[in-house]
Amino acid sequence: MFENLDHLYRFPTRAAIDALAIRFNLPNEKNMQDWEYEVADANRIDEFLVVYDSGELSEDEKFTLMAMLVQSSCDAIDRKENFLRSESWKQFLDLLERDIDIHIHLVWYWSCTDTQDLSDAWSITPFIRPILLRHQEKFSAICSPI
């Protein structure tokens, strides 16, 4: 059902992390692993979305900020009962799909394709999988070996 899209793996760049840390006044210590997930904040989703959609970010900054948004949204699903009905949720999904060329690996990763049991996945997984299913063929066909 799911094709492995690991060949599209991408890392947040140091420049993107530094720029976003300054922009959002976030901690940025050398010992932070998976910075984009450590600084995620469900209470700042609207702020993150405004900046993401501002047209002011590089592609690397968009990638890193979207990783923060995925984690923040996952946390919001777990903590905020009305989040899935919010405009922020809709905007998040729209931006994720609009920029799928940048974020396909994030979508693949958070889709937890190694399990069919959604109780063994993140709370955001059932909402991310349909995006993956709509786009995975495009990315696997483009990058498959000849």
N, C-alpha and C. Protein backbone atom coordinates (compact mmCIF):
# COMPACT_ATOMS: atom_id res chain seq x y z
N MET A 1 0.81 -1.20 0.00
CA MET A 1 0.00 0.00 0.00
C MET A 1 0.86 1.26 0.00
N PHE A 2 1.89 1.29 0.86
CA PHE A 2 2.74 2.47 0.94
C PHE A 2 4.12 2.16 0.37
N GLU A 3 4.61 3.06 -0.41
CA GLU A 3 5.97 2.94 -0.94
C GLU A 3 6.92 3.70 -0.03
N ASN A 4 8.13 3.19 0.12
CA ASN A 4 9.15 3.83 0.93
C ASN A 4 9.65 5.08 0.21
N LEU A 5 9.57 6.20 0.87
CA LEU A 5 10.04 7.46 0.29
C LEU A 5 11.28 7.98 1.01
N ASP A 6 12.03 7.08 1.63
CA ASP A 6 13.25 7.49 2.33
C ASP A 6 14.26 8.18 1.43
N HIS A 7 14.21 7.92 0.14
CA HIS A 7 15.15 8.56 -0.78
C HIS A 7 14.92 10.07 -0.85
N LEU A 8 13.83 10.55 -0.27
CA LEU A 8 13.53 11.98 -0.26
C LEU A 8 13.81 12.62 1.10
N TYR A 9 14.49 11.88 1.97
CA TYR A 9 14.78 12.39 3.31
C TYR A 9 15.54 13.71 3.24
N ARG A 10 15.22 14.58 4.14
CA ARG A 10 15.85 15.89 4.18
C ARG A 10 15.98 16.31 5.64
N PHE A 11 17.02 17.06 5.92
CA PHE A 11 17.29 17.54 7.27
C PHE A 11 17.04 19.04 7.36
N PRO A 12 16.66 19.52 8.53
CA PRO A 12 16.67 20.97 8.74
C PRO A 12 18.12 21.46 8.66
N THR A 13 18.33 22.56 8.02
CA THR A 13 19.68 23.10 7.93
C THR A 13 19.98 23.97 9.14
N ARG A 14 21.26 24.12 9.43
CA ARG A 14 21.69 24.98 10.54
C ARG A 14 21.21 26.41 10.29
N ALA A 15 21.31 26.88 9.04
CA ALA A 15 20.89 28.26 8.73
C ALA A 15 19.39 28.45 8.99
N ALA A 16 18.59 27.46 8.62
CA ALA A 16 17.14 27.55 8.85
C ALA A 16 16.82 27.54 10.34
N ILE A 17 17.48 26.67 11.07
CA ILE A 17 17.27 26.61 12.52
C ILE A 17 17.65 27.95 13.17
N ASP A 18 18.81 28.48 12.80
CA ASP A 18 19.25 29.75 13.38
C ASP A 18 18.27 30.87 13.06
N ALA A 19 17.81 30.94 11.81
CA ALA A 19 16.88 32.00 11.40
C ALA A 19 15.55 31.89 12.15
N LEU A 20 15.02 30.69 12.26
CA LEU A 20 13.75 30.49 12.94
C LEU A 20 13.87 30.72 14.45
N ALA A 21 14.99 30.31 15.02
CA ALA A 21 15.21 30.54 16.45
C ALA A 21 15.18 32.03 16.76
N ILE A 22 15.82 32.82 15.90
CA ILE A 22 15.82 34.27 16.09
C ILE A 22 14.42 34.84 15.87
N ARG A 23 13.79 34.45 14.77
CA ARG A 23 12.47 34.99 14.42
C ARG A 23 11.44 34.75 15.53
N PHE A 24 11.47 33.56 16.12
CA PHE A 24 10.47 33.19 17.12
C PHE A 24 10.98 33.24 18.55
N ASN A 25 12.22 33.72 18.74
CA ASN A 25 12.82 33.79 20.06
C ASN A 25 12.77 32.42 20.76
N LEU A 26 13.33 31.41 20.07
CA LEU A 26 13.33 30.04 20.57
C LEU A 26 14.72 29.65 21.05
N PRO A 27 14.80 28.73 21.99
CA PRO A 27 16.11 28.24 22.41
C PRO A 27 16.82 27.57 21.24
N ASN A 28 18.14 27.68 21.23
CA ASN A 28 18.93 27.11 20.13
C ASN A 28 20.29 26.73 20.68
N GLU A 29 20.32 25.66 21.43
CA GLU A 29 21.55 25.21 22.07
C GLU A 29 22.19 24.10 21.24
N LYS A 30 23.49 24.00 21.28
CA LYS A 30 24.21 23.00 20.50
C LYS A 30 23.83 21.57 20.87
N ASN A 31 23.42 21.34 22.10
CA ASN A 31 23.09 19.99 22.55
C ASN A 31 21.64 19.58 22.23
N MET A 32 20.90 20.42 21.54
CA MET A 32 19.51 20.10 21.20
C MET A 32 19.48 19.16 19.99
N GLN A 33 18.88 18.02 20.19
CA GLN A 33 18.73 17.06 19.10
C GLN A 33 17.29 17.16 18.60
N ASP A 34 17.10 17.09 17.30
CA ASP A 34 15.77 17.25 16.72
C ASP A 34 15.15 18.57 17.16
N TRP A 35 15.91 19.62 16.94
CA TRP A 35 15.52 20.97 17.37
C TRP A 35 14.08 21.29 16.99
N GLU A 36 13.71 20.99 15.76
CA GLU A 36 12.39 21.35 15.25
C GLU A 36 11.26 20.72 16.05
N TYR A 37 11.52 19.59 16.70
CA TYR A 37 10.50 18.95 17.52
C TYR A 37 10.58 19.41 18.97
N GLU A 38 11.78 19.72 19.42
CA GLU A 38 11.95 20.20 20.80
C GLU A 38 11.30 21.56 21.02
N VAL A 39 11.32 22.42 20.00
CA VAL A 39 10.79 23.78 20.17
C VAL A 39 9.34 23.91 19.71
N ALA A 40 8.77 22.83 19.20
CA ALA A 40 7.36 22.87 18.78
C ALA A 40 6.50 23.32 19.95
N ASP A 41 5.41 24.02 19.63
CA ASP A 41 4.58 24.58 20.69
C ASP A 41 3.14 24.70 20.17
N ALA A 42 2.26 23.87 20.70
CA ALA A 42 0.86 23.88 20.27
C ALA A 42 0.19 25.23 20.50
N ASN A 43 0.69 26.01 21.45
CA ASN A 43 0.11 27.32 21.73
C ASN A 43 0.54 28.39 20.74
N ARG A 44 1.51 28.08 19.88
CA ARG A 44 2.02 29.08 18.93
C ARG A 44 1.71 28.73 17.47
N ILE A 45 0.80 27.79 17.27
CA ILE A 45 0.50 27.33 15.91
C ILE A 45 0.08 28.49 15.02
N ASP A 46 -0.81 29.35 15.48
CA ASP A 46 -1.28 30.46 14.65
C ASP A 46 -0.13 31.37 14.24
N GLU A 47 0.75 31.64 15.17
CA GLU A 47 1.93 32.47 14.89
C GLU A 47 2.83 31.79 13.84
N PHE A 48 3.06 30.51 14.01
CA PHE A 48 3.87 29.76 13.05
C PHE A 48 3.24 29.77 11.66
N LEU A 49 1.92 29.61 11.60
CA LEU A 49 1.22 29.59 10.31
C LEU A 49 1.32 30.93 9.58
N VAL A 50 1.19 32.02 10.31
CA VAL A 50 1.29 33.35 9.70
C VAL A 50 2.66 33.53 9.06
N VAL A 51 3.70 33.17 9.77
CA VAL A 51 5.05 33.31 9.24
C VAL A 51 5.27 32.35 8.08
N TYR A 52 4.81 31.13 8.21
CA TYR A 52 4.98 30.16 7.12
C TYR A 52 4.38 30.70 5.83
N ASP A 53 3.22 31.28 5.92
CA ASP A 53 2.48 31.74 4.74
C ASP A 53 2.83 33.17 4.32
N SER A 54 3.82 33.77 4.96
CA SER A 54 4.15 35.17 4.70
C SER A 54 4.89 35.41 3.40
N GLY A 55 5.49 34.37 2.84
CA GLY A 55 6.31 34.54 1.64
C GLY A 55 7.72 35.01 1.95
N GLU A 56 8.08 35.08 3.21
CA GLU A 56 9.39 35.58 3.62
C GLU A 56 10.43 34.49 3.89
N LEU A 57 10.04 33.23 3.83
CA LEU A 57 10.93 32.15 4.23
C LEU A 57 11.59 31.47 3.02
N SER A 58 12.79 31.01 3.26
CA SER A 58 13.46 30.17 2.25
C SER A 58 12.81 28.79 2.27
N GLU A 59 13.10 27.97 1.29
CA GLU A 59 12.56 26.61 1.27
C GLU A 59 13.02 25.82 2.49
N ASP A 60 14.28 25.97 2.87
CA ASP A 60 14.78 25.26 4.06
C ASP A 60 14.07 25.72 5.33
N GLU A 61 13.79 27.01 5.42
CA GLU A 61 13.05 27.52 6.59
C GLU A 61 11.62 26.99 6.58
N LYS A 62 10.99 26.93 5.41
CA LYS A 62 9.64 26.37 5.32
C LYS A 62 9.64 24.91 5.76
N PHE A 63 10.62 24.15 5.29
CA PHE A 63 10.71 22.74 5.66
C PHE A 63 10.82 22.59 7.19
N THR A 64 11.70 23.35 7.79
CA THR A 64 11.94 23.25 9.22
C THR A 64 10.73 23.73 10.01
N LEU A 65 10.13 24.82 9.57
CA LEU A 65 8.94 25.33 10.26
C LEU A 65 7.78 24.36 10.11
N MET A 66 7.63 23.71 8.97
CA MET A 66 6.55 22.73 8.82
C MET A 66 6.77 21.54 9.74
N ALA A 67 8.01 21.13 9.94
CA ALA A 67 8.27 20.06 10.90
C ALA A 67 7.82 20.49 12.30
N MET A 68 8.09 21.74 12.64
CA MET A 68 7.62 22.28 13.93
C MET A 68 6.10 22.27 13.98
N LEU A 69 5.46 22.64 12.87
CA LEU A 69 4.00 22.68 12.82
C LEU A 69 3.38 21.29 12.92
N VAL A 70 4.01 20.30 12.31
CA VAL A 70 3.48 18.94 12.42
C VAL A 70 3.51 18.49 13.88
N GLN A 71 4.64 18.68 14.54
CA GLN A 71 4.74 18.30 15.95
C GLN A 71 3.78 19.12 16.81
N SER A 72 3.71 20.41 16.56
CA SER A 72 2.80 21.28 17.31
C SER A 72 1.35 20.85 17.11
N SER A 73 0.99 20.51 15.88
CA SER A 73 -0.38 20.08 15.59
C SER A 73 -0.68 18.73 16.25
N CYS A 74 0.27 17.85 16.23
CA CYS A 74 0.10 16.56 16.90
C CYS A 74 -0.14 16.79 18.39
N ASP A 75 0.63 17.67 18.98
CA ASP A 75 0.44 18.00 20.40
C ASP A 75 -0.93 18.64 20.63
N ALA A 76 -1.35 19.50 19.70
CA ALA A 76 -2.66 20.15 19.84
C ALA A 76 -3.79 19.14 19.74
N ILE A 77 -3.67 18.17 18.86
CA ILE A 77 -4.69 17.12 18.75
C ILE A 77 -4.80 16.39 20.08
N ASP A 78 -3.65 16.14 20.70
CA ASP A 78 -3.64 15.42 21.97
C ASP A 78 -4.18 16.24 23.14
N ARG A 79 -4.07 17.57 23.06
CA ARG A 79 -4.39 18.41 24.22
C ARG A 79 -5.61 19.31 24.07
N LYS A 80 -5.96 19.67 22.83
CA LYS A 80 -7.02 20.66 22.63
C LYS A 80 -8.20 20.01 21.91
N GLU A 81 -9.31 19.93 22.61
CA GLU A 81 -10.43 19.17 22.06
C GLU A 81 -11.03 19.76 20.79
N ASN A 82 -10.93 21.05 20.57
CA ASN A 82 -11.54 21.66 19.39
C ASN A 82 -10.54 21.92 18.26
N PHE A 83 -9.30 21.52 18.41
CA PHE A 83 -8.30 21.86 17.40
C PHE A 83 -8.65 21.33 16.02
N LEU A 84 -9.16 20.12 15.92
CA LEU A 84 -9.47 19.52 14.62
C LEU A 84 -10.61 20.24 13.90
N ARG A 85 -11.33 21.09 14.59
CA ARG A 85 -12.40 21.88 13.96
C ARG A 85 -11.98 23.33 13.72
N SER A 86 -10.73 23.64 14.00
CA SER A 86 -10.28 25.03 13.93
C SER A 86 -9.82 25.42 12.53
N GLU A 87 -9.81 26.71 12.28
CA GLU A 87 -9.26 27.24 11.03
C GLU A 87 -7.77 26.97 10.95
N SER A 88 -7.09 26.97 12.08
CA SER A 88 -5.66 26.69 12.10
C SER A 88 -5.37 25.29 11.56
N TRP A 89 -6.16 24.32 11.96
CA TRP A 89 -6.00 22.96 11.48
C TRP A 89 -6.18 22.89 9.97
N LYS A 90 -7.23 23.53 9.48
CA LYS A 90 -7.49 23.54 8.04
C LYS A 90 -6.35 24.23 7.30
N GLN A 91 -5.89 25.34 7.81
CA GLN A 91 -4.80 26.07 7.17
C GLN A 91 -3.52 25.23 7.17
N PHE A 92 -3.24 24.57 8.27
CA PHE A 92 -2.07 23.69 8.36
C PHE A 92 -2.12 22.63 7.27
N LEU A 93 -3.22 21.92 7.15
CA LEU A 93 -3.34 20.87 6.14
C LEU A 93 -3.23 21.43 4.73
N ASP A 94 -3.85 22.60 4.50
CA ASP A 94 -3.77 23.23 3.17
C ASP A 94 -2.34 23.59 2.81
N LEU A 95 -1.59 24.16 3.76
CA LEU A 95 -0.19 24.54 3.49
C LEU A 95 0.68 23.31 3.29
N LEU A 96 0.44 22.29 4.07
CA LEU A 96 1.20 21.05 3.94
C LEU A 96 1.02 20.46 2.54
N GLU A 97 -0.21 20.45 2.08
CA GLU A 97 -0.48 19.88 0.76
C GLU A 97 -0.04 20.84 -0.36
N ARG A 98 -0.21 22.12 -0.16
CA ARG A 98 0.21 23.08 -1.18
C ARG A 98 1.70 22.96 -1.48
N ASP A 99 2.49 22.76 -0.45
CA ASP A 99 3.95 22.68 -0.60
C ASP A 99 4.44 21.24 -0.46
N ILE A 100 3.67 20.31 -0.99
CA ILE A 100 4.01 18.88 -0.85
C ILE A 100 5.38 18.56 -1.44
N ASP A 101 5.81 19.29 -2.44
CA ASP A 101 7.15 19.04 -3.01
C ASP A 101 8.25 19.22 -1.96
N ILE A 102 8.04 20.09 -1.03
CA ILE A 102 9.01 20.33 0.05
C ILE A 102 8.82 19.31 1.17
N HIS A 103 7.59 18.91 1.42
CA HIS A 103 7.26 18.20 2.66
C HIS A 103 6.89 16.73 2.50
N ILE A 104 7.05 16.16 1.34
CA ILE A 104 6.59 14.79 1.14
C ILE A 104 7.24 13.82 2.12
N HIS A 105 8.51 13.98 2.45
CA HIS A 105 9.12 13.05 3.40
C HIS A 105 8.55 13.23 4.80
N LEU A 106 8.28 14.45 5.20
CA LEU A 106 7.62 14.66 6.50
C LEU A 106 6.28 13.94 6.53
N VAL A 107 5.52 14.07 5.46
CA VAL A 107 4.21 13.42 5.37
C VAL A 107 4.39 11.91 5.44
N TRP A 108 5.35 11.39 4.70
CA TRP A 108 5.60 9.95 4.72
C TRP A 108 5.99 9.49 6.14
N TYR A 109 6.91 10.20 6.76
CA TYR A 109 7.40 9.84 8.10
C TYR A 109 6.25 9.82 9.11
N TRP A 110 5.46 10.88 9.15
CA TRP A 110 4.38 11.00 10.14
C TRP A 110 3.19 10.11 9.80
N SER A 111 3.18 9.51 8.62
CA SER A 111 2.11 8.58 8.25
C SER A 111 2.30 7.20 8.87
N CYS A 112 3.45 6.95 9.48
CA CYS A 112 3.72 5.68 10.15
C CYS A 112 3.35 4.50 9.26
N THR A 113 3.95 4.47 8.10
CA THR A 113 3.60 3.46 7.11
C THR A 113 4.00 2.04 7.50
N ASP A 114 4.75 1.90 8.56
CA ASP A 114 5.17 0.56 8.99
C ASP A 114 4.10 -0.15 9.82
N THR A 115 2.96 0.51 10.05
CA THR A 115 1.88 -0.13 10.80
C THR A 115 0.53 0.19 10.18
N GLN A 116 -0.36 -0.76 10.23
CA GLN A 116 -1.75 -0.53 9.82
C GLN A 116 -2.60 -0.18 11.03
N ASP A 117 -2.09 -0.49 12.21
CA ASP A 117 -2.80 -0.26 13.46
C ASP A 117 -2.60 1.19 13.90
N LEU A 118 -3.61 2.02 13.70
CA LEU A 118 -3.48 3.44 14.02
C LEU A 118 -3.37 3.70 15.52
N SER A 119 -3.70 2.72 16.34
CA SER A 119 -3.49 2.90 17.78
C SER A 119 -2.00 2.84 18.13
N ASP A 120 -1.20 2.38 17.17
CA ASP A 120 0.25 2.29 17.33
C ASP A 120 0.95 3.40 16.53
N ALA A 121 0.25 4.50 16.32
CA ALA A 121 0.79 5.62 15.53
C ALA A 121 0.49 6.93 16.26
N TRP A 122 1.01 8.01 15.72
CA TRP A 122 0.74 9.33 16.31
C TRP A 122 -0.71 9.72 16.06
N SER A 123 -1.20 10.63 16.86
CA SER A 123 -2.59 11.07 16.72
C SER A 123 -2.82 11.81 15.41
N ILE A 124 -1.79 12.34 14.81
CA ILE A 124 -1.93 13.05 13.55
C ILE A 124 -1.91 12.12 12.33
N THR A 125 -1.46 10.90 12.52
CA THR A 125 -1.28 9.95 11.43
C THR A 125 -2.54 9.75 10.57
N PRO A 126 -3.71 9.54 11.14
CA PRO A 126 -4.88 9.31 10.28
C PRO A 126 -5.23 10.49 9.37
N PHE A 127 -4.77 11.67 9.73
CA PHE A 127 -5.06 12.86 8.94
C PHE A 127 -3.98 13.14 7.89
N ILE A 128 -2.79 12.61 8.14
CA ILE A 128 -1.66 12.81 7.24
C ILE A 128 -1.63 11.74 6.14
N ARG A 129 -2.05 10.55 6.47
CA ARG A 129 -2.02 9.46 5.50
C ARG A 129 -2.76 9.76 4.19
N PRO A 130 -3.94 10.37 4.24
CA PRO A 130 -4.61 10.67 2.97
C PRO A 130 -3.79 11.59 2.06
N ILE A 131 -3.04 12.50 2.66
CA ILE A 131 -2.18 13.37 1.86
C ILE A 131 -1.09 12.53 1.21
N LEU A 132 -0.49 11.64 1.97
CA LEU A 132 0.52 10.75 1.41
C LEU A 132 -0.04 9.92 0.26
N LEU A 133 -1.21 9.36 0.47
CA LEU A 133 -1.81 8.51 -0.56
C LEU A 133 -2.11 9.29 -1.84
N ARG A 134 -2.47 10.55 -1.71
CA ARG A 134 -2.74 11.37 -2.89
C ARG A 134 -1.47 11.69 -3.68
N HIS A 135 -0.31 11.67 -3.01
CA HIS A 135 0.92 12.16 -3.64
C HIS A 135 2.05 11.15 -3.78
N GLN A 136 2.01 10.02 -3.09
CA GLN A 136 3.17 9.13 -3.07
C GLN A 136 3.54 8.61 -4.45
N GLU A 137 2.59 8.36 -5.31
CA GLU A 137 2.92 7.83 -6.64
C GLU A 137 3.76 8.84 -7.42
N LYS A 138 3.42 10.09 -7.31
CA LYS A 138 4.18 11.15 -7.99
C LYS A 138 5.65 11.13 -7.57
N PHE A 139 5.88 10.97 -6.29
CA PHE A 139 7.26 11.03 -5.80
C PHE A 139 8.01 9.72 -5.98
N SER A 140 7.34 8.62 -5.91
CA SER A 140 8.03 7.36 -6.13
C SER A 140 8.33 7.18 -7.62
N ALA A 141 7.47 7.65 -8.49
CA ALA A 141 7.69 7.53 -9.94
C ALA A 141 8.83 8.43 -10.41
N ILE A 142 8.90 9.62 -9.87
CA ILE A 142 9.95 10.56 -10.26
C ILE A 142 11.32 10.05 -9.86
N CYS A 143 11.38 9.45 -8.67
CA CYS A 143 12.69 9.11 -8.10
C CYS A 143 13.03 7.63 -8.19
N SER A 144 12.23 6.83 -8.86
CA SER A 144 12.56 5.41 -8.92
C SER A 144 13.73 5.17 -9.85
N PRO A 145 14.57 4.20 -9.54
CA PRO A 145 15.73 3.91 -10.37
C PRO A 145 15.33 3.46 -11.77
N ILE A 146 16.14 3.80 -12.73
CA ILE A 146 15.87 3.45 -14.13
C ILE A 146 16.41 2.06 -14.42
